[in-house]
Amino acid sequence: MSSFIPGFNNTLDPKAQFYLELADQCAAILQGQRNLISNTANVSSLVYHGLHETPTRDGKPVNWVGFYLVDVKRPDVMALGPFQGKPACTEIAFGRGVCGTAASTAKSVVVKDVCDFPGHISCDPASKSEIVVPLKAPNGKVHGVLDIDASVTDAFDDFDRIGLEAIANLVAEASDF
């Protein structure tokens, strides 16, 4: 399939290669399926297990991967969607915590240490760092976020951000909201 991820072209970095392969796998499981719940369920599982099984994580364990999706009845609130990990917060308002910040700004947020993020919402005290990527429609409207937590600080970098933004874009393009 050979995905193209802007920022990863012409690089042999193992982490970039991991995300190119993960994007290919995502594209394959999303192909022909428009159902948002099916797509986010499969992608949360694929990403969770992919991040656990790859040697490029350098011992930085991921403990939660999932989606928060905009509530159709309350468009300023996201409800918990499919995920892998321990039970989580069921609702997050736009602008609140890392997920709400990413949703309200429509920009990815990488948090090296959740203790340093003002207003961080702690669903699992084991989570020490986090990355949140918005799910955006082509018109820029945010439909939710992809949220990933790790049990160590400084687990995510620009390779993770770029790779996960590509995956979030695949989900947004393949799903009916």
N, C-alpha and C. Protein backbone atom coordinates (compact mmCIF):
# COMPACT_ATOMS: atom_id res chain seq x y z
N MET A 1 0.83 -1.20 0.00
CA MET A 1 0.00 0.00 0.00
C MET A 1 0.87 1.26 0.00
N SER A 2 1.86 1.33 0.86
CA SER A 2 2.84 2.40 0.90
C SER A 2 2.23 3.79 1.11
N SER A 3 1.97 4.11 2.34
CA SER A 3 1.42 5.41 2.71
C SER A 3 2.46 6.50 2.53
N PHE A 4 1.96 7.69 2.33
CA PHE A 4 2.81 8.88 2.31
C PHE A 4 2.42 9.72 3.51
N ILE A 5 3.38 10.05 4.34
CA ILE A 5 3.13 10.91 5.48
C ILE A 5 4.04 12.13 5.35
N PRO A 6 3.45 13.32 5.19
CA PRO A 6 4.28 14.52 5.11
C PRO A 6 5.21 14.60 6.32
N GLY A 7 6.45 14.89 6.08
CA GLY A 7 7.44 14.96 7.15
C GLY A 7 8.24 13.67 7.28
N PHE A 8 7.74 12.59 6.70
CA PHE A 8 8.45 11.31 6.76
C PHE A 8 9.02 10.91 5.41
N ASN A 9 8.83 11.73 4.40
CA ASN A 9 9.35 11.36 3.09
C ASN A 9 10.89 11.34 3.12
N ASN A 10 11.45 10.37 2.49
CA ASN A 10 12.90 10.21 2.36
C ASN A 10 13.63 10.03 3.69
N THR A 11 12.98 9.46 4.69
CA THR A 11 13.67 9.18 5.94
C THR A 11 13.72 7.68 6.17
N LEU A 12 14.80 7.24 6.72
CA LEU A 12 14.95 5.83 7.06
C LEU A 12 14.82 5.61 8.56
N ASP A 13 14.45 6.64 9.30
CA ASP A 13 14.31 6.51 10.74
C ASP A 13 13.35 5.37 11.07
N PRO A 14 13.72 4.49 11.98
CA PRO A 14 12.86 3.35 12.30
C PRO A 14 11.48 3.76 12.83
N LYS A 15 11.41 4.84 13.56
CA LYS A 15 10.12 5.29 14.08
C LYS A 15 9.23 5.80 12.95
N ALA A 16 9.81 6.51 12.02
CA ALA A 16 9.04 6.97 10.86
C ALA A 16 8.56 5.78 10.05
N GLN A 17 9.42 4.79 9.86
CA GLN A 17 9.03 3.59 9.13
C GLN A 17 7.91 2.85 9.85
N PHE A 18 7.97 2.81 11.18
CA PHE A 18 6.91 2.19 11.97
C PHE A 18 5.57 2.87 11.68
N TYR A 19 5.54 4.21 11.70
CA TYR A 19 4.28 4.92 11.47
C TYR A 19 3.80 4.79 10.03
N LEU A 20 4.72 4.70 9.07
CA LEU A 20 4.30 4.46 7.69
C LEU A 20 3.61 3.11 7.58
N GLU A 21 4.17 2.10 8.22
CA GLU A 21 3.56 0.76 8.20
C GLU A 21 2.24 0.74 8.96
N LEU A 22 2.19 1.43 10.09
CA LEU A 22 0.95 1.49 10.87
C LEU A 22 -0.15 2.21 10.08
N ALA A 23 0.22 3.26 9.37
CA ALA A 23 -0.76 3.97 8.53
C ALA A 23 -1.28 3.05 7.42
N ASP A 24 -0.40 2.25 6.84
CA ASP A 24 -0.83 1.27 5.83
C ASP A 24 -1.84 0.29 6.42
N GLN A 25 -1.56 -0.20 7.62
CA GLN A 25 -2.47 -1.14 8.28
C GLN A 25 -3.81 -0.47 8.58
N CYS A 26 -3.76 0.78 9.03
CA CYS A 26 -5.01 1.53 9.30
C CYS A 26 -5.82 1.68 8.03
N ALA A 27 -5.16 2.08 6.97
CA ALA A 27 -5.87 2.26 5.69
C ALA A 27 -6.54 0.95 5.26
N ALA A 28 -5.86 -0.16 5.49
CA ALA A 28 -6.42 -1.46 5.09
C ALA A 28 -7.66 -1.81 5.91
N ILE A 29 -7.64 -1.57 7.22
CA ILE A 29 -8.82 -1.93 8.03
C ILE A 29 -9.96 -0.93 7.87
N LEU A 30 -9.65 0.27 7.40
CA LEU A 30 -10.69 1.29 7.19
C LEU A 30 -11.34 1.16 5.81
N GLN A 31 -10.67 0.49 4.91
CA GLN A 31 -11.14 0.41 3.53
C GLN A 31 -12.54 -0.19 3.46
N GLY A 32 -13.45 0.55 2.84
CA GLY A 32 -14.81 0.08 2.63
C GLY A 32 -15.72 0.17 3.84
N GLN A 33 -15.23 0.70 4.94
CA GLN A 33 -16.04 0.81 6.15
C GLN A 33 -16.22 2.28 6.51
N ARG A 34 -17.45 2.75 6.63
CA ARG A 34 -17.73 4.15 6.95
C ARG A 34 -18.22 4.33 8.39
N ASN A 35 -18.51 3.21 9.09
CA ASN A 35 -19.08 3.30 10.43
C ASN A 35 -18.04 3.83 11.42
N LEU A 36 -18.37 4.93 12.07
CA LEU A 36 -17.45 5.59 12.99
C LEU A 36 -17.05 4.70 14.16
N ILE A 37 -18.00 3.99 14.75
CA ILE A 37 -17.67 3.15 15.90
C ILE A 37 -16.77 1.99 15.48
N SER A 38 -17.10 1.34 14.39
CA SER A 38 -16.25 0.25 13.90
C SER A 38 -14.84 0.75 13.61
N ASN A 39 -14.74 1.89 12.94
CA ASN A 39 -13.43 2.41 12.57
C ASN A 39 -12.60 2.81 13.78
N THR A 40 -13.21 3.52 14.73
CA THR A 40 -12.44 3.95 15.90
C THR A 40 -12.10 2.77 16.81
N ALA A 41 -12.97 1.77 16.86
CA ALA A 41 -12.67 0.58 17.66
C ALA A 41 -11.46 -0.15 17.08
N ASN A 42 -11.48 -0.40 15.79
CA ASN A 42 -10.37 -1.11 15.17
C ASN A 42 -9.07 -0.32 15.21
N VAL A 43 -9.14 0.98 14.99
CA VAL A 43 -7.92 1.79 15.00
C VAL A 43 -7.36 1.90 16.41
N SER A 44 -8.22 2.06 17.42
CA SER A 44 -7.68 2.12 18.79
C SER A 44 -6.95 0.83 19.14
N SER A 45 -7.49 -0.31 18.73
CA SER A 45 -6.83 -1.59 18.98
C SER A 45 -5.52 -1.70 18.20
N LEU A 46 -5.57 -1.35 16.93
CA LEU A 46 -4.38 -1.43 16.08
C LEU A 46 -3.25 -0.56 16.63
N VAL A 47 -3.56 0.68 16.98
CA VAL A 47 -2.54 1.60 17.48
C VAL A 47 -2.01 1.12 18.84
N TYR A 48 -2.90 0.74 19.73
CA TYR A 48 -2.50 0.27 21.06
C TYR A 48 -1.53 -0.90 20.94
N HIS A 49 -1.93 -1.92 20.20
CA HIS A 49 -1.07 -3.09 20.08
C HIS A 49 0.18 -2.80 19.26
N GLY A 50 0.06 -1.95 18.25
CA GLY A 50 1.24 -1.57 17.47
C GLY A 50 2.28 -0.87 18.32
N LEU A 51 1.84 0.04 19.17
CA LEU A 51 2.78 0.77 20.02
C LEU A 51 3.38 -0.14 21.09
N HIS A 52 2.65 -1.15 21.52
CA HIS A 52 3.19 -2.10 22.50
C HIS A 52 4.22 -3.03 21.89
N GLU A 53 4.05 -3.37 20.63
CA GLU A 53 4.86 -4.42 20.02
C GLU A 53 6.06 -3.91 19.24
N THR A 54 6.19 -2.61 19.06
CA THR A 54 7.29 -2.09 18.25
C THR A 54 8.52 -1.80 19.11
N PRO A 55 9.70 -2.11 18.61
CA PRO A 55 10.93 -1.82 19.35
C PRO A 55 11.28 -0.33 19.35
N THR A 56 10.62 0.47 18.54
CA THR A 56 10.98 1.89 18.47
C THR A 56 10.45 2.70 19.65
N ARG A 57 9.69 2.09 20.54
CA ARG A 57 9.14 2.82 21.68
C ARG A 57 10.18 3.06 22.77
N ASP A 58 11.34 2.42 22.70
CA ASP A 58 12.42 2.63 23.66
C ASP A 58 11.97 2.47 25.11
N GLY A 59 11.19 1.46 25.38
CA GLY A 59 10.77 1.21 26.76
C GLY A 59 9.79 2.22 27.31
N LYS A 60 9.08 2.93 26.44
CA LYS A 60 8.12 3.94 26.87
C LYS A 60 6.72 3.37 26.71
N PRO A 61 6.21 2.71 27.74
CA PRO A 61 4.95 1.97 27.61
C PRO A 61 3.71 2.85 27.48
N VAL A 62 2.92 2.51 26.49
CA VAL A 62 1.63 3.16 26.28
C VAL A 62 0.61 2.40 27.11
N ASN A 63 -0.21 3.11 27.89
CA ASN A 63 -1.18 2.43 28.73
C ASN A 63 -2.63 2.75 28.37
N TRP A 64 -2.86 3.63 27.40
CA TRP A 64 -4.23 3.94 27.00
C TRP A 64 -4.22 4.53 25.59
N VAL A 65 -5.10 4.02 24.74
CA VAL A 65 -5.29 4.57 23.39
C VAL A 65 -6.79 4.57 23.13
N GLY A 66 -7.32 5.73 22.78
CA GLY A 66 -8.75 5.76 22.49
C GLY A 66 -9.21 7.06 21.89
N PHE A 67 -10.50 7.12 21.71
CA PHE A 67 -11.13 8.26 21.06
C PHE A 67 -12.16 8.90 21.97
N TYR A 68 -12.23 10.21 21.91
CA TYR A 68 -13.35 10.98 22.46
C TYR A 68 -14.02 11.61 21.25
N LEU A 69 -15.34 11.45 21.16
CA LEU A 69 -16.10 11.90 19.99
C LEU A 69 -17.12 12.95 20.39
N VAL A 70 -17.28 13.95 19.54
CA VAL A 70 -18.22 15.03 19.83
C VAL A 70 -19.63 14.45 20.00
N ASP A 71 -20.27 14.87 21.07
CA ASP A 71 -21.64 14.45 21.37
C ASP A 71 -22.58 15.25 20.47
N VAL A 72 -23.38 14.55 19.66
CA VAL A 72 -24.24 15.24 18.70
C VAL A 72 -25.29 16.12 19.38
N LYS A 73 -25.66 15.80 20.60
CA LYS A 73 -26.65 16.60 21.31
C LYS A 73 -26.03 17.78 22.05
N ARG A 74 -24.74 17.68 22.33
CA ARG A 74 -24.01 18.75 23.02
C ARG A 74 -22.67 18.95 22.30
N PRO A 75 -22.63 19.78 21.27
CA PRO A 75 -21.45 19.88 20.42
C PRO A 75 -20.21 20.50 21.09
N ASP A 76 -20.33 20.92 22.34
CA ASP A 76 -19.16 21.44 23.05
C ASP A 76 -18.61 20.42 24.04
N VAL A 77 -19.08 19.17 23.93
CA VAL A 77 -18.66 18.08 24.81
C VAL A 77 -18.30 16.87 23.96
N MET A 78 -17.25 16.17 24.38
CA MET A 78 -16.89 14.91 23.74
C MET A 78 -17.21 13.77 24.70
N ALA A 79 -17.75 12.70 24.14
CA ALA A 79 -18.05 11.50 24.92
C ALA A 79 -17.00 10.44 24.63
N LEU A 80 -16.76 9.61 25.62
CA LEU A 80 -15.82 8.52 25.47
C LEU A 80 -16.25 7.60 24.33
N GLY A 81 -15.32 7.29 23.46
CA GLY A 81 -15.56 6.36 22.37
C GLY A 81 -14.75 5.10 22.58
N PRO A 82 -14.57 4.31 21.54
CA PRO A 82 -13.79 3.08 21.67
C PRO A 82 -12.36 3.35 22.14
N PHE A 83 -11.87 2.43 22.98
CA PHE A 83 -10.53 2.60 23.54
C PHE A 83 -9.96 1.27 23.96
N GLN A 84 -8.66 1.29 24.25
CA GLN A 84 -7.93 0.16 24.83
C GLN A 84 -7.24 0.69 26.09
N GLY A 85 -7.45 0.04 27.21
CA GLY A 85 -6.84 0.46 28.46
C GLY A 85 -7.85 0.41 29.59
N LYS A 86 -7.48 1.01 30.71
CA LYS A 86 -8.36 1.04 31.87
C LYS A 86 -9.55 1.96 31.62
N PRO A 87 -10.62 1.83 32.42
CA PRO A 87 -11.76 2.74 32.28
C PRO A 87 -11.31 4.20 32.32
N ALA A 88 -12.09 5.03 31.64
CA ALA A 88 -11.68 6.43 31.46
C ALA A 88 -12.82 7.39 31.76
N CYS A 89 -12.50 8.67 31.75
CA CYS A 89 -13.51 9.72 31.91
C CYS A 89 -14.54 9.56 30.79
N THR A 90 -15.80 9.78 31.11
CA THR A 90 -16.84 9.55 30.11
C THR A 90 -17.16 10.78 29.28
N GLU A 91 -16.89 11.96 29.81
CA GLU A 91 -17.15 13.20 29.07
C GLU A 91 -16.03 14.20 29.31
N ILE A 92 -15.69 14.93 28.27
CA ILE A 92 -14.70 16.01 28.38
C ILE A 92 -15.21 17.19 27.56
N ALA A 93 -15.30 18.34 28.20
CA ALA A 93 -15.74 19.55 27.51
C ALA A 93 -14.61 20.14 26.68
N PHE A 94 -14.97 20.74 25.56
CA PHE A 94 -13.98 21.47 24.76
C PHE A 94 -13.31 22.50 25.67
N GLY A 95 -11.99 22.60 25.57
CA GLY A 95 -11.23 23.56 26.35
C GLY A 95 -10.78 23.02 27.70
N ARG A 96 -11.22 21.84 28.09
CA ARG A 96 -10.88 21.29 29.41
C ARG A 96 -9.87 20.15 29.26
N GLY A 97 -8.78 20.21 30.00
CA GLY A 97 -7.76 19.18 29.95
C GLY A 97 -7.04 19.13 28.61
N VAL A 98 -6.24 18.11 28.42
CA VAL A 98 -5.45 17.98 27.19
C VAL A 98 -6.37 17.69 26.00
N CYS A 99 -7.33 16.77 26.19
CA CYS A 99 -8.25 16.44 25.10
C CYS A 99 -9.09 17.64 24.69
N GLY A 100 -9.64 18.33 25.66
CA GLY A 100 -10.46 19.50 25.37
C GLY A 100 -9.68 20.63 24.74
N THR A 101 -8.42 20.76 25.12
CA THR A 101 -7.55 21.78 24.51
C THR A 101 -7.29 21.45 23.05
N ALA A 102 -6.96 20.20 22.76
CA ALA A 102 -6.72 19.80 21.37
C ALA A 102 -7.98 20.00 20.53
N ALA A 103 -9.14 19.69 21.11
CA ALA A 103 -10.40 19.84 20.37
C ALA A 103 -10.71 21.32 20.12
N SER A 104 -10.54 22.16 21.12
CA SER A 104 -10.90 23.57 20.96
C SER A 104 -9.94 24.34 20.07
N THR A 105 -8.67 23.93 20.03
CA THR A 105 -7.68 24.61 19.19
C THR A 105 -7.53 23.96 17.82
N ALA A 106 -8.07 22.74 17.68
CA ALA A 106 -7.93 21.94 16.46
C ALA A 106 -6.46 21.67 16.13
N LYS A 107 -5.64 21.55 17.19
CA LYS A 107 -4.21 21.27 17.03
C LYS A 107 -3.80 20.15 17.98
N SER A 108 -2.84 19.36 17.53
CA SER A 108 -2.30 18.30 18.38
C SER A 108 -1.60 18.90 19.59
N VAL A 109 -1.68 18.17 20.71
CA VAL A 109 -1.02 18.60 21.94
C VAL A 109 -0.15 17.44 22.43
N VAL A 110 1.13 17.71 22.60
CA VAL A 110 2.07 16.73 23.15
C VAL A 110 2.45 17.21 24.55
N VAL A 111 2.21 16.38 25.54
CA VAL A 111 2.49 16.74 26.93
C VAL A 111 3.56 15.80 27.47
N LYS A 112 4.73 16.35 27.75
CA LYS A 112 5.86 15.55 28.23
C LYS A 112 5.61 15.04 29.66
N ASP A 113 4.99 15.88 30.49
CA ASP A 113 4.69 15.51 31.87
C ASP A 113 3.31 16.08 32.21
N VAL A 114 2.34 15.19 32.43
CA VAL A 114 0.97 15.65 32.67
C VAL A 114 0.86 16.52 33.92
N CYS A 115 1.79 16.37 34.87
CA CYS A 115 1.76 17.20 36.08
C CYS A 115 2.03 18.67 35.75
N ASP A 116 2.67 18.92 34.61
CA ASP A 116 2.99 20.29 34.21
C ASP A 116 1.91 20.91 33.32
N PHE A 117 0.86 20.16 32.99
CA PHE A 117 -0.18 20.70 32.12
C PHE A 117 -1.31 21.26 32.98
N PRO A 118 -1.53 22.58 32.92
CA PRO A 118 -2.59 23.18 33.73
C PRO A 118 -3.96 22.59 33.37
N GLY A 119 -4.67 22.12 34.37
CA GLY A 119 -6.00 21.59 34.15
C GLY A 119 -6.05 20.16 33.65
N HIS A 120 -4.91 19.45 33.71
CA HIS A 120 -4.90 18.05 33.27
C HIS A 120 -5.96 17.26 34.02
N ILE A 121 -6.70 16.41 33.30
CA ILE A 121 -7.72 15.56 33.90
C ILE A 121 -7.09 14.19 34.10
N SER A 122 -6.99 13.77 35.33
CA SER A 122 -6.36 12.48 35.62
C SER A 122 -7.41 11.39 35.73
N CYS A 123 -7.51 10.58 34.68
CA CYS A 123 -8.40 9.42 34.71
C CYS A 123 -7.66 8.21 35.26
N ASP A 124 -6.36 8.13 34.98
CA ASP A 124 -5.54 7.01 35.44
C ASP A 124 -4.24 7.60 35.99
N PRO A 125 -4.01 7.47 37.29
CA PRO A 125 -2.78 8.03 37.87
C PRO A 125 -1.49 7.44 37.29
N ALA A 126 -1.59 6.31 36.60
CA ALA A 126 -0.40 5.73 35.97
C ALA A 126 0.06 6.52 34.75
N SER A 127 -0.82 7.34 34.18
CA SER A 127 -0.47 8.11 32.99
C SER A 127 0.43 9.28 33.38
N LYS A 128 1.58 9.35 32.72
CA LYS A 128 2.57 10.40 33.03
C LYS A 128 2.80 11.36 31.86
N SER A 129 2.54 10.90 30.63
CA SER A 129 2.65 11.77 29.46
C SER A 129 1.53 11.43 28.51
N GLU A 130 1.28 12.36 27.56
CA GLU A 130 0.08 12.20 26.73
C GLU A 130 0.27 12.91 25.40
N ILE A 131 -0.40 12.37 24.39
CA ILE A 131 -0.50 13.04 23.10
C ILE A 131 -1.95 12.96 22.66
N VAL A 132 -2.48 14.08 22.19
CA VAL A 132 -3.87 14.13 21.74
C VAL A 132 -3.89 14.79 20.36
N VAL A 133 -4.57 14.11 19.43
CA VAL A 133 -4.63 14.57 18.04
C VAL A 133 -6.10 14.74 17.65
N PRO A 134 -6.47 15.92 17.14
CA PRO A 134 -7.87 16.12 16.74
C PRO A 134 -8.24 15.33 15.48
N LEU A 135 -9.49 14.90 15.44
CA LEU A 135 -10.08 14.29 14.24
C LEU A 135 -10.81 15.42 13.52
N LYS A 136 -10.28 15.83 12.38
CA LYS A 136 -10.83 16.98 11.68
C LYS A 136 -11.42 16.60 10.33
N ALA A 137 -12.58 17.17 10.06
CA ALA A 137 -13.20 17.04 8.74
C ALA A 137 -12.40 17.90 7.76
N PRO A 138 -12.57 17.67 6.46
CA PRO A 138 -11.86 18.50 5.48
C PRO A 138 -12.10 20.01 5.66
N ASN A 139 -13.27 20.38 6.18
CA ASN A 139 -13.56 21.80 6.41
C ASN A 139 -12.94 22.33 7.71
N GLY A 140 -12.22 21.47 8.45
CA GLY A 140 -11.55 21.89 9.67
C GLY A 140 -12.35 21.65 10.94
N LYS A 141 -13.61 21.28 10.81
CA LYS A 141 -14.44 21.03 11.99
C LYS A 141 -13.91 19.82 12.75
N VAL A 142 -13.80 19.97 14.07
CA VAL A 142 -13.31 18.89 14.91
C VAL A 142 -14.47 17.99 15.32
N HIS A 143 -14.30 16.69 15.07
CA HIS A 143 -15.33 15.70 15.40
C HIS A 143 -14.95 14.86 16.62
N GLY A 144 -13.75 15.06 17.14
CA GLY A 144 -13.28 14.30 18.28
C GLY A 144 -11.77 14.33 18.33
N VAL A 145 -11.21 13.46 19.18
CA VAL A 145 -9.76 13.39 19.31
C VAL A 145 -9.31 11.94 19.48
N LEU A 146 -8.08 11.69 19.08
CA LEU A 146 -7.37 10.45 19.37
C LEU A 146 -6.45 10.77 20.54
N ASP A 147 -6.60 10.04 21.63
CA ASP A 147 -5.88 10.30 22.87
C ASP A 147 -5.01 9.09 23.20
N ILE A 148 -3.73 9.35 23.50
CA ILE A 148 -2.81 8.27 23.85
C ILE A 148 -2.02 8.69 25.08
N ASP A 149 -2.00 7.80 26.08
CA ASP A 149 -1.27 8.04 27.32
C ASP A 149 -0.15 7.02 27.47
N ALA A 150 0.91 7.44 28.17
CA ALA A 150 2.02 6.54 28.49
C ALA A 150 2.31 6.63 29.98
N SER A 151 2.86 5.55 30.52
CA SER A 151 3.11 5.49 31.95
C SER A 151 4.49 6.02 32.35
N VAL A 152 5.15 6.71 31.43
CA VAL A 152 6.41 7.38 31.73
C VAL A 152 6.34 8.80 31.16
N THR A 153 7.16 9.68 31.68
CA THR A 153 7.21 11.03 31.14
C THR A 153 7.99 11.04 29.82
N ASP A 154 7.72 12.05 29.02
CA ASP A 154 8.45 12.30 27.77
C ASP A 154 8.40 11.12 26.80
N ALA A 155 7.24 10.50 26.68
CA ALA A 155 7.11 9.32 25.82
C ALA A 155 6.84 9.66 24.35
N PHE A 156 6.44 10.90 24.06
CA PHE A 156 6.02 11.24 22.70
C PHE A 156 6.84 12.38 22.13
N ASP A 157 7.09 12.31 20.83
CA ASP A 157 7.90 13.33 20.16
C ASP A 157 7.24 13.71 18.84
N ASP A 158 7.97 14.43 18.00
CA ASP A 158 7.42 14.87 16.72
C ASP A 158 7.13 13.71 15.78
N PHE A 159 7.92 12.64 15.84
CA PHE A 159 7.62 11.46 15.01
C PHE A 159 6.25 10.91 15.38
N ASP A 160 5.98 10.82 16.69
CA ASP A 160 4.67 10.34 17.14
C ASP A 160 3.57 11.29 16.67
N ARG A 161 3.79 12.57 16.84
CA ARG A 161 2.77 13.55 16.45
C ARG A 161 2.46 13.44 14.95
N ILE A 162 3.48 13.44 14.15
CA ILE A 162 3.28 13.39 12.69
C ILE A 162 2.60 12.07 12.30
N GLY A 163 3.07 10.96 12.83
CA GLY A 163 2.49 9.67 12.51
C GLY A 163 1.05 9.54 12.97
N LEU A 164 0.77 10.01 14.18
CA LEU A 164 -0.60 9.90 14.71
C LEU A 164 -1.55 10.89 14.04
N GLU A 165 -1.05 12.04 13.60
CA GLU A 165 -1.90 12.95 12.82
C GLU A 165 -2.32 12.30 11.51
N ALA A 166 -1.39 11.59 10.88
CA ALA A 166 -1.72 10.89 9.63
C ALA A 166 -2.80 9.83 9.88
N ILE A 167 -2.68 9.11 10.98
CA ILE A 167 -3.67 8.08 11.32
C ILE A 167 -5.02 8.71 11.64
N ALA A 168 -5.01 9.80 12.40
CA ALA A 168 -6.28 10.50 12.71
C ALA A 168 -6.93 11.00 11.43
N ASN A 169 -6.13 11.48 10.48
CA ASN A 169 -6.69 11.94 9.20
C ASN A 169 -7.32 10.79 8.43
N LEU A 170 -6.69 9.62 8.47
CA LEU A 170 -7.26 8.45 7.81
C LEU A 170 -8.62 8.11 8.41
N VAL A 171 -8.71 8.14 9.73
CA VAL A 171 -9.98 7.84 10.41
C VAL A 171 -11.04 8.87 10.03
N ALA A 172 -10.66 10.15 10.07
CA ALA A 172 -11.62 11.21 9.76
C ALA A 172 -12.14 11.11 8.32
N GLU A 173 -11.24 10.80 7.39
CA GLU A 173 -11.64 10.68 5.98
C GLU A 173 -12.50 9.45 5.72
N ALA A 174 -12.28 8.39 6.49
CA ALA A 174 -12.97 7.12 6.23
C ALA A 174 -14.29 6.98 6.97
N SER A 175 -14.60 7.90 7.88
CA SER A 175 -15.75 7.71 8.77
C SER A 175 -16.86 8.72 8.54
N ASP A 176 -18.09 8.26 8.74
CA ASP A 176 -19.25 9.13 8.72
C ASP A 176 -19.51 9.62 10.14
N PHE A 177 -19.51 10.93 10.31
CA PHE A 177 -19.73 11.52 11.64
C PHE A 177 -21.17 11.95 11.79
